[in-house]
Amino acid sequence: MAFFAVTYAYDPELSELADEIRPTHRAFLSDLRDKGLNVASGPLGGDTPGALLIIEAETLDEVEALLDEDPFKKEKVVSERVVRPWNPVISRF
């Protein structure tokens, strides 16, 4: 298994929709956590709405396929997603 850092950028025009489906989005991410795939996830601070997810999976393609099922992605709340391999050299994991 490998780690992947995923960043989401949210479409600010869809903030009301995001608020509406956030419980489903969080349930989806909680399910991934329960399956041992979502190591950590949460919103990023700053002026641009977005989030950081740390996912453990076999391949980048697997991560992309998993996150294609995220309600935020399906409803186009996520305007940009970047998935990159991540090597935690120093960590608390």
PDB file of N, CA and C in Angstrom:
ATOM      1  N   MET A   1       0.852  -1.182   0.000  1.00  0.00           N
ATOM      2  CA  MET A   1       0.000   0.000   0.000  1.00  0.00           C
ATOM      3  C   MET A   1       0.896   1.243   0.000  1.00  0.00           C
ATOM      4  N   ALA A   2       0.365   2.290  -0.571  1.00  0.00           N
ATOM      5  CA  ALA A   2       1.077   3.559  -0.657  1.00  0.00           C
ATOM      6  C   ALA A   2       0.154   4.671  -0.170  1.00  0.00           C
ATOM      7  N   PHE A   3       0.746   5.809   0.141  1.00  0.00           N
ATOM      8  CA  PHE A   3      -0.023   6.981   0.555  1.00  0.00           C
ATOM      9  C   PHE A   3      -0.125   7.960  -0.606  1.00  0.00           C
ATOM     10  N   PHE A   4      -1.256   8.655  -0.649  1.00  0.00           N
ATOM     11  CA  PHE A   4      -1.502   9.669  -1.668  1.00  0.00           C
ATOM     12  C   PHE A   4      -2.075  10.907  -0.990  1.00  0.00           C
ATOM     13  N   ALA A   5      -1.543  12.062  -1.355  1.00  0.00           N
ATOM     14  CA  ALA A   5      -2.082  13.340  -0.893  1.00  0.00           C
ATOM     15  C   ALA A   5      -3.018  13.848  -1.989  1.00  0.00           C
ATOM     16  N   VAL A   6      -4.223  14.151  -1.593  1.00  0.00           N
ATOM     17  CA  VAL A   6      -5.240  14.610  -2.536  1.00  0.00           C
ATOM     18  C   VAL A   6      -5.698  15.989  -2.109  1.00  0.00           C
ATOM     19  N   THR A   7      -5.696  16.918  -3.038  1.00  0.00           N
ATOM     20  CA  THR A   7      -6.272  18.230  -2.744  1.00  0.00           C
ATOM     21  C   THR A   7      -7.507  18.424  -3.602  1.00  0.00           C
ATOM     22  N   TYR A   8      -8.509  18.995  -2.954  1.00  0.00           N
ATOM     23  CA  TYR A   8      -9.746  19.385  -3.619  1.00  0.00           C
ATOM     24  C   TYR A   8      -9.799  20.899  -3.630  1.00  0.00           C
ATOM     25  N   ALA A   9     -10.233  21.472  -4.734  1.00  0.00           N
ATOM     26  CA  ALA A   9     -10.638  22.876  -4.787  1.00  0.00           C
ATOM     27  C   ALA A   9     -12.145  22.851  -5.011  1.00  0.00           C
ATOM     28  N   TYR A  10     -12.863  23.646  -4.221  1.00  0.00           N
ATOM     29  CA  TYR A  10     -14.318  23.685  -4.318  1.00  0.00           C
ATOM     30  C   TYR A  10     -14.764  24.872  -5.153  1.00  0.00           C
ATOM     31  N   ASP A  11     -15.838  24.685  -5.887  1.00  0.00           N
ATOM     32  CA  ASP A  11     -16.445  25.754  -6.668  1.00  0.00           C
ATOM     33  C   ASP A  11     -17.206  26.665  -5.704  1.00  0.00           C
ATOM     34  N   PRO A  12     -16.751  27.905  -5.502  1.00  0.00           N
ATOM     35  CA  PRO A  12     -17.422  28.802  -4.549  1.00  0.00           C
ATOM     36  C   PRO A  12     -18.864  29.124  -4.950  1.00  0.00           C
ATOM     37  N   GLU A  13     -19.186  28.967  -6.222  1.00  0.00           N
ATOM     38  CA  GLU A  13     -20.559  29.213  -6.681  1.00  0.00           C
ATOM     39  C   GLU A  13     -21.521  28.126  -6.194  1.00  0.00           C
ATOM     40  N   LEU A  14     -20.972  26.999  -5.739  1.00  0.00           N
ATOM     41  CA  LEU A  14     -21.810  25.876  -5.314  1.00  0.00           C
ATOM     42  C   LEU A  14     -21.772  25.658  -3.804  1.00  0.00           C
ATOM     43  N   SER A  15     -21.503  26.708  -3.040  1.00  0.00           N
ATOM     44  CA  SER A  15     -21.376  26.556  -1.586  1.00  0.00           C
ATOM     45  C   SER A  15     -22.689  26.120  -0.932  1.00  0.00           C
ATOM     46  N   GLU A  16     -23.822  26.584  -1.452  1.00  0.00           N
ATOM     47  CA  GLU A  16     -25.107  26.151  -0.885  1.00  0.00           C
ATOM     48  C   GLU A  16     -25.338  24.667  -1.143  1.00  0.00           C
ATOM     49  N   LEU A  17     -25.020  24.215  -2.340  1.00  0.00           N
ATOM     50  CA  LEU A  17     -25.128  22.790  -2.652  1.00  0.00           C
ATOM     51  C   LEU A  17     -24.176  21.990  -1.769  1.00  0.00           C
ATOM     52  N   ALA A  18     -22.963  22.491  -1.580  1.00  0.00           N
ATOM     53  CA  ALA A  18     -21.990  21.814  -0.713  1.00  0.00           C
ATOM     54  C   ALA A  18     -22.549  21.661   0.695  1.00  0.00           C
ATOM     55  N   ASP A  19     -23.155  22.719   1.226  1.00  0.00           N
ATOM     56  CA  ASP A  19     -23.747  22.648   2.562  1.00  0.00           C
ATOM     57  C   ASP A  19     -24.836  21.577   2.622  1.00  0.00           C
ATOM     58  N   GLU A  20     -25.605  21.480   1.556  1.00  0.00           N
ATOM     59  CA  GLU A  20     -26.722  20.536   1.505  1.00  0.00           C
ATOM     60  C   GLU A  20     -26.245  19.078   1.489  1.00  0.00           C
ATOM     61  N   ILE A  21     -25.196  18.804   0.733  1.00  0.00           N
ATOM     62  CA  ILE A  21     -24.753  17.404   0.603  1.00  0.00           C
ATOM     63  C   ILE A  21     -23.555  17.053   1.482  1.00  0.00           C
ATOM     64  N   ARG A  22     -23.079  18.006   2.287  1.00  0.00           N
ATOM     65  CA  ARG A  22     -21.918  17.742   3.154  1.00  0.00           C
ATOM     66  C   ARG A  22     -22.110  16.504   4.039  1.00  0.00           C
ATOM     67  N   PRO A  23     -23.279  16.284   4.648  1.00  0.00           N
ATOM     68  CA  PRO A  23     -23.413  15.067   5.464  1.00  0.00           C
ATOM     69  C   PRO A  23     -23.173  13.770   4.667  1.00  0.00           C
ATOM     70  N   THR A  24     -23.635  13.727   3.434  1.00  0.00           N
ATOM     71  CA  THR A  24     -23.418  12.552   2.591  1.00  0.00           C
ATOM     72  C   THR A  24     -21.944  12.426   2.218  1.00  0.00           C
ATOM     73  N   HIS A  25     -21.317  13.561   1.915  1.00  0.00           N
ATOM     74  CA  HIS A  25     -19.882  13.594   1.608  1.00  0.00           C
ATOM     75  C   HIS A  25     -19.078  13.071   2.801  1.00  0.00           C
ATOM     76  N   ARG A  26     -19.401  13.536   3.989  1.00  0.00           N
ATOM     77  CA  ARG A  26     -18.654  13.101   5.182  1.00  0.00           C
ATOM     78  C   ARG A  26     -18.919  11.636   5.501  1.00  0.00           C
ATOM     79  N   ALA A  27     -20.130  11.170   5.265  1.00  0.00           N
ATOM     80  CA  ALA A  27     -20.425   9.746   5.458  1.00  0.00           C
ATOM     81  C   ALA A  27     -19.601   8.898   4.491  1.00  0.00           C
ATOM     82  N   PHE A  28     -19.464   9.364   3.262  1.00  0.00           N
ATOM     83  CA  PHE A  28     -18.643   8.678   2.265  1.00  0.00           C
ATOM     84  C   PHE A  28     -17.194   8.587   2.742  1.00  0.00           C
ATOM     85  N   LEU A  29     -16.638   9.713   3.207  1.00  0.00           N
ATOM     86  CA  LEU A  29     -15.249   9.723   3.670  1.00  0.00           C
ATOM     87  C   LEU A  29     -15.081   8.891   4.941  1.00  0.00           C
ATOM     88  N   SER A  30     -16.086   8.887   5.799  1.00  0.00           N
ATOM     89  CA  SER A  30     -16.043   8.053   7.013  1.00  0.00           C
ATOM     90  C   SER A  30     -16.034   6.573   6.651  1.00  0.00           C
ATOM     91  N   ASP A  31     -16.793   6.208   5.630  1.00  0.00           N
ATOM     92  CA  ASP A  31     -16.806   4.823   5.162  1.00  0.00           C
ATOM     93  C   ASP A  31     -15.421   4.425   4.638  1.00  0.00           C
ATOM     94  N   LEU A  32     -14.782   5.325   3.898  1.00  0.00           N
ATOM     95  CA  LEU A  32     -13.415   5.045   3.439  1.00  0.00           C
ATOM     96  C   LEU A  32     -12.458   4.899   4.619  1.00  0.00           C
ATOM     97  N   ARG A  33     -12.649   5.713   5.659  1.00  0.00           N
ATOM     98  CA  ARG A  33     -11.823   5.576   6.868  1.00  0.00           C
ATOM     99  C   ARG A  33     -12.038   4.204   7.496  1.00  0.00           C
ATOM    100  N   ASP A  34     -13.305   3.808   7.615  1.00  0.00           N
ATOM    101  CA  ASP A  34     -13.618   2.518   8.236  1.00  0.00           C
ATOM    102  C   ASP A  34     -13.034   1.350   7.446  1.00  0.00           C
ATOM    103  N   LYS A  35     -12.851   1.535   6.146  1.00  0.00           N
ATOM    104  CA  LYS A  35     -12.241   0.505   5.294  1.00  0.00           C
ATOM    105  C   LYS A  35     -10.714   0.591   5.306  1.00  0.00           C
ATOM    106  N   GLY A  36     -10.146   1.554   6.061  1.00  0.00           N
ATOM    107  CA  GLY A  36      -8.703   1.709   6.163  1.00  0.00           C
ATOM    108  C   GLY A  36      -8.074   2.473   5.012  1.00  0.00           C
ATOM    109  N   LEU A  37      -8.881   3.157   4.218  1.00  0.00           N
ATOM    110  CA  LEU A  37      -8.363   3.867   3.049  1.00  0.00           C
ATOM    111  C   LEU A  37      -8.161   5.360   3.300  1.00  0.00           C
ATOM    112  N   ASN A  38      -9.046   5.980   4.037  1.00  0.00           N
ATOM    113  CA  ASN A  38      -8.944   7.414   4.355  1.00  0.00           C
ATOM    114  C   ASN A  38      -8.165   7.548   5.658  1.00  0.00           C
ATOM    115  N   VAL A  39      -6.916   7.957   5.539  1.00  0.00           N
ATOM    116  CA  VAL A  39      -6.060   8.123   6.714  1.00  0.00           C
ATOM    117  C   VAL A  39      -6.459   9.378   7.475  1.00  0.00           C
ATOM    118  N   ALA A  40      -6.713  10.453   6.739  1.00  0.00           N
ATOM    119  CA  ALA A  40      -7.128  11.732   7.330  1.00  0.00           C
ATOM    120  C   ALA A  40      -7.714  12.591   6.224  1.00  0.00           C
ATOM    121  N   SER A  41      -8.648  13.461   6.595  1.00  0.00           N
ATOM    122  CA  SER A  41      -9.215  14.386   5.608  1.00  0.00           C
ATOM    123  C   SER A  41      -9.864  15.542   6.345  1.00  0.00           C
ATOM    124  N   GLY A  42      -9.901  16.682   5.675  1.00  0.00           N
ATOM    125  CA  GLY A  42     -10.547  17.841   6.260  1.00  0.00           C
ATOM    126  C   GLY A  42     -10.327  19.077   5.417  1.00  0.00           C
ATOM    127  N   PRO A  43     -11.107  20.116   5.733  1.00  0.00           N
ATOM    128  CA  PRO A  43     -11.024  21.354   4.952  1.00  0.00           C
ATOM    129  C   PRO A  43      -9.705  22.080   5.184  1.00  0.00           C
ATOM    130  N   LEU A  44      -9.262  22.773   4.149  1.00  0.00           N
ATOM    131  CA  LEU A  44      -8.079  23.626   4.233  1.00  0.00           C
ATOM    132  C   LEU A  44      -8.510  25.040   4.603  1.00  0.00           C
ATOM    133  N   GLY A  45      -7.713  25.714   5.390  1.00  0.00           N
ATOM    134  CA  GLY A  45      -7.974  27.107   5.712  1.00  0.00           C
ATOM    135  C   GLY A  45      -7.507  28.009   4.579  1.00  0.00           C
ATOM    136  N   GLY A  46      -7.816  29.280   4.708  1.00  0.00           N
ATOM    137  CA  GLY A  46      -7.374  30.237   3.705  1.00  0.00           C
ATOM    138  C   GLY A  46      -8.523  30.783   2.894  1.00  0.00           C
ATOM    139  N   ASP A  47      -8.167  31.544   1.881  1.00  0.00           N
ATOM    140  CA  ASP A  47      -9.166  32.227   1.065  1.00  0.00           C
ATOM    141  C   ASP A  47      -9.842  31.338   0.034  1.00  0.00           C
ATOM    142  N   THR A  48      -9.169  30.272  -0.384  1.00  0.00           N
ATOM    143  CA  THR A  48      -9.720  29.402  -1.418  1.00  0.00           C
ATOM    144  C   THR A  48     -10.311  28.160  -0.769  1.00  0.00           C
ATOM    145  N   PRO A  49     -11.613  27.914  -0.952  1.00  0.00           N
ATOM    146  CA  PRO A  49     -12.211  26.735  -0.322  1.00  0.00           C
ATOM    147  C   PRO A  49     -11.671  25.450  -0.930  1.00  0.00           C
ATOM    148  N   GLY A  50     -11.335  24.506  -0.060  1.00  0.00           N
ATOM    149  CA  GLY A  50     -10.811  23.234  -0.526  1.00  0.00           C
ATOM    150  C   GLY A  50     -10.556  22.295   0.634  1.00  0.00           C
ATOM    151  N   ALA A  51      -9.935  21.167   0.337  1.00  0.00           N
ATOM    152  CA  ALA A  51      -9.682  20.156   1.360  1.00  0.00           C
ATOM    153  C   ALA A  51      -8.419  19.383   1.019  1.00  0.00           C
ATOM    154  N   LEU A  52      -7.898  18.712   2.044  1.00  0.00           N
ATOM    155  CA  LEU A  52      -6.769  17.809   1.911  1.00  0.00           C
ATOM    156  C   LEU A  52      -7.216  16.441   2.399  1.00  0.00           C
ATOM    157  N   LEU A  53      -6.908  15.416   1.626  1.00  0.00           N
ATOM    158  CA  LEU A  53      -7.192  14.044   2.009  1.00  0.00           C
ATOM    159  C   LEU A  53      -5.901  13.250   1.902  1.00  0.00           C
ATOM    160  N   ILE A  54      -5.657  12.385   2.869  1.00  0.00           N
ATOM    161  CA  ILE A  54      -4.543  11.448   2.796  1.00  0.00           C
ATOM    162  C   ILE A  54      -5.174  10.069   2.656  1.00  0.00           C
ATOM    163  N   ILE A  55      -4.924   9.453   1.509  1.00  0.00           N
ATOM    164  CA  ILE A  55      -5.538   8.174   1.178  1.00  0.00           C
ATOM    165  C   ILE A  55      -4.455   7.102   1.076  1.00  0.00           C
ATOM    166  N   GLU A  56      -4.739   5.921   1.610  1.00  0.00           N
ATOM    167  CA  GLU A  56      -3.825   4.787   1.483  1.00  0.00           C
ATOM    168  C   GLU A  56      -4.455   3.797   0.503  1.00  0.00           C
ATOM    169  N   ALA A  57      -3.738   3.484  -0.562  1.00  0.00           N
ATOM    170  CA  ALA A  57      -4.254   2.591  -1.598  1.00  0.00           C
ATOM    171  C   ALA A  57      -3.089   1.983  -2.362  1.00  0.00           C
ATOM    172  N   GLU A  58      -3.412   1.070  -3.256  1.00  0.00           N
ATOM    173  CA  GLU A  58      -2.378   0.419  -4.063  1.00  0.00           C
ATOM    174  C   GLU A  58      -1.838   1.337  -5.154  1.00  0.00           C
ATOM    175  N   THR A  59      -2.740   2.053  -5.854  1.00  0.00           N
ATOM    176  CA  THR A  59      -2.315   2.831  -7.017  1.00  0.00           C
ATOM    177  C   THR A  59      -3.046   4.167  -7.068  1.00  0.00           C
ATOM    178  N   LEU A  60      -2.476   5.082  -7.826  1.00  0.00           N
ATOM    179  CA  LEU A  60      -3.108   6.368  -8.070  1.00  0.00           C
ATOM    180  C   LEU A  60      -4.454   6.173  -8.776  1.00  0.00           C
ATOM    181  N   ASP A  61      -4.509   5.252  -9.713  1.00  0.00           N
ATOM    182  CA  ASP A  61      -5.775   4.976 -10.406  1.00  0.00           C
ATOM    183  C   ASP A  61      -6.861   4.515  -9.438  1.00  0.00           C
ATOM    184  N   GLU A  62      -6.477   3.720  -8.444  1.00  0.00           N
ATOM    185  CA  GLU A  62      -7.442   3.267  -7.437  1.00  0.00           C
ATOM    186  C   GLU A  62      -7.976   4.453  -6.638  1.00  0.00           C
ATOM    187  N   VAL A  63      -7.091   5.370  -6.264  1.00  0.00           N
ATOM    188  CA  VAL A  63      -7.515   6.551  -5.520  1.00  0.00           C
ATOM    189  C   VAL A  63      -8.498   7.371  -6.351  1.00  0.00           C
ATOM    190  N   GLU A  64      -8.169   7.594  -7.603  1.00  0.00           N
ATOM    191  CA  GLU A  64      -9.051   8.375  -8.464  1.00  0.00           C
ATOM    192  C   GLU A  64     -10.410   7.707  -8.617  1.00  0.00           C
ATOM    193  N   ALA A  65     -10.417   6.390  -8.795  1.00  0.00           N
ATOM    194  CA  ALA A  65     -11.688   5.669  -8.938  1.00  0.00           C
ATOM    195  C   ALA A  65     -12.510   5.752  -7.654  1.00  0.00           C
ATOM    196  N   LEU A  66     -11.857   5.599  -6.498  1.00  0.00           N
ATOM    197  CA  LEU A  66     -12.561   5.717  -5.217  1.00  0.00           C
ATOM    198  C   LEU A  66     -13.189   7.099  -5.074  1.00  0.00           C
ATOM    199  N   LEU A  67     -12.399   8.135  -5.340  1.00  0.00           N
ATOM    200  CA  LEU A  67     -12.866   9.497  -5.100  1.00  0.00           C
ATOM    201  C   LEU A  67     -13.814   9.999  -6.182  1.00  0.00           C
ATOM    202  N   ASP A  68     -13.892   9.303  -7.297  1.00  0.00           N
ATOM    203  CA  ASP A  68     -14.919   9.636  -8.288  1.00  0.00           C
ATOM    204  C   ASP A  68     -16.317   9.404  -7.718  1.00  0.00           C
ATOM    205  N   GLU A  69     -16.406   8.567  -6.687  1.00  0.00           N
ATOM    206  CA  GLU A  69     -17.692   8.254  -6.059  1.00  0.00           C
ATOM    207  C   GLU A  69     -18.069   9.235  -4.944  1.00  0.00           C
ATOM    208  N   ASP A  70     -17.172  10.153  -4.617  1.00  0.00           N
ATOM    209  CA  ASP A  70     -17.448  11.160  -3.584  1.00  0.00           C
ATOM    210  C   ASP A  70     -18.639  12.010  -4.037  1.00  0.00           C
ATOM    211  N   PRO A  71     -19.662  12.169  -3.187  1.00  0.00           N
ATOM    212  CA  PRO A  71     -20.802  13.009  -3.562  1.00  0.00           C
ATOM    213  C   PRO A  71     -20.404  14.427  -3.982  1.00  0.00           C
ATOM    214  N   PHE A  72     -19.380  14.995  -3.370  1.00  0.00           N
ATOM    215  CA  PHE A  72     -18.914  16.324  -3.782  1.00  0.00           C
ATOM    216  C   PHE A  72     -18.407  16.287  -5.232  1.00  0.00           C
ATOM    217  N   LYS A  73     -17.734  15.230  -5.609  1.00  0.00           N
ATOM    218  CA  LYS A  73     -17.230  15.095  -6.989  1.00  0.00           C
ATOM    219  C   LYS A  73     -18.388  14.872  -7.950  1.00  0.00           C
ATOM    220  N   LYS A  74     -19.307  13.982  -7.580  1.00  0.00           N
ATOM    221  CA  LYS A  74     -20.436  13.675  -8.455  1.00  0.00           C
ATOM    222  C   LYS A  74     -21.315  14.899  -8.725  1.00  0.00           C
ATOM    223  N   GLU A  75     -21.457  15.761  -7.720  1.00  0.00           N
ATOM    224  CA  GLU A  75     -22.307  16.952  -7.854  1.00  0.00           C
ATOM    225  C   GLU A  75     -21.524  18.175  -8.330  1.00  0.00           C
ATOM    226  N   LYS A  76     -20.247  17.969  -8.681  1.00  0.00           N
ATOM    227  CA  LYS A  76     -19.389  19.022  -9.250  1.00  0.00           C
ATOM    228  C   LYS A  76     -19.029  20.133  -8.247  1.00  0.00           C
ATOM    229  N   VAL A  77     -19.180  19.853  -6.942  1.00  0.00           N
ATOM    230  CA  VAL A  77     -18.713  20.795  -5.922  1.00  0.00           C
ATOM    231  C   VAL A  77     -17.190  20.891  -5.990  1.00  0.00           C
ATOM    232  N   VAL A  78     -16.546  19.758  -6.292  1.00  0.00           N
ATOM    233  CA  VAL A  78     -15.099  19.735  -6.483  1.00  0.00           C
ATOM    234  C   VAL A  78     -14.809  20.218  -7.905  1.00  0.00           C
ATOM    235  N   SER A  79     -14.196  21.386  -7.988  1.00  0.00           N
ATOM    236  CA  SER A  79     -13.878  21.944  -9.310  1.00  0.00           C
ATOM    237  C   SER A  79     -12.512  21.483  -9.817  1.00  0.00           C
ATOM    238  N   GLU A  80     -11.644  21.083  -8.877  1.00  0.00           N
ATOM    239  CA  GLU A  80     -10.320  20.585  -9.256  1.00  0.00           C
ATOM    240  C   GLU A  80      -9.865  19.584  -8.211  1.00  0.00           C
ATOM    241  N   ARG A  81      -9.296  18.485  -8.677  1.00  0.00           N
ATOM    242  CA  ARG A  81      -8.753  17.454  -7.788  1.00  0.00           C
ATOM    243  C   ARG A  81      -7.357  17.110  -8.272  1.00  0.00           C
ATOM    244  N   VAL A  82      -6.406  17.112  -7.339  1.00  0.00           N
ATOM    245  CA  VAL A  82      -5.030  16.726  -7.652  1.00  0.00           C
ATOM    246  C   VAL A  82      -4.664  15.566  -6.733  1.00  0.00           C
ATOM    247  N   VAL A  83      -4.206  14.473  -7.332  1.00  0.00           N
ATOM    248  CA  VAL A  83      -3.784  13.286  -6.579  1.00  0.00           C
ATOM    249  C   VAL A  83      -2.301  13.088  -6.833  1.00  0.00           C
ATOM    250  N   ARG A  84      -1.539  13.039  -5.723  1.00  0.00           N
ATOM    251  CA  ARG A  84      -0.090  12.863  -5.850  1.00  0.00           C
ATOM    252  C   ARG A  84       0.387  11.811  -4.871  1.00  0.00           C
ATOM    253  N   PRO A  85       1.335  10.954  -5.290  1.00  0.00           N
ATOM    254  CA  PRO A  85       1.944  10.035  -4.333  1.00  0.00           C
ATOM    255  C   PRO A  85       2.612  10.841  -3.217  1.00  0.00           C
ATOM    256  N   TRP A  86       2.565  10.301  -2.005  1.00  0.00           N
ATOM    257  CA  TRP A  86       3.137  10.994  -0.858  1.00  0.00           C
ATOM    258  C   TRP A  86       3.954  10.003  -0.042  1.00  0.00           C
ATOM    259  N   ASN A  87       5.162  10.409   0.307  1.00  0.00           N
ATOM    260  CA  ASN A  87       6.072   9.559   1.069  1.00  0.00           C
ATOM    261  C   ASN A  87       6.279  10.180   2.449  1.00  0.00           C
ATOM    262  N   PRO A  88       5.543   9.719   3.470  1.00  0.00           N
ATOM    263  CA  PRO A  88       5.690  10.291   4.807  1.00  0.00           C
ATOM    264  C   PRO A  88       6.974   9.833   5.480  1.00  0.00           C
ATOM    265  N   VAL A  89       8.028  10.599   5.307  1.00  0.00           N
ATOM    266  CA  VAL A  89       9.336  10.253   5.871  1.00  0.00           C
ATOM    267  C   VAL A  89       9.325  10.401   7.396  1.00  0.00           C
ATOM    268  N   ILE A  90       8.752  11.469   7.875  1.00  0.00           N
ATOM    269  CA  ILE A  90       8.614  11.706   9.310  1.00  0.00           C
ATOM    270  C   ILE A  90       7.118  11.841   9.592  1.00  0.00           C
ATOM    271  N   SER A  91       6.606  10.989  10.483  1.00  0.00           N
ATOM    272  CA  SER A  91       5.170  11.036  10.731  1.00  0.00           C
ATOM    273  C   SER A  91       4.844  10.449  12.096  1.00  0.00           C
ATOM    274  N   ARG A  92       3.578  10.601  12.475  1.00  0.00           N
ATOM    275  CA  ARG A  92       3.060   9.979  13.689  1.00  0.00           C
ATOM    276  C   ARG A  92       2.274   8.719  13.355  1.00  0.00           C
ATOM    277  N   PHE A  93       2.162   8.353  12.094  1.00  0.00           N
ATOM    278  CA  PHE A  93       1.392   7.144  11.745  1.00  0.00           C
ATOM    279  C   PHE A  93       2.178   5.928  12.221  1.00  0.00           C
TER     280      PHE A  93
END
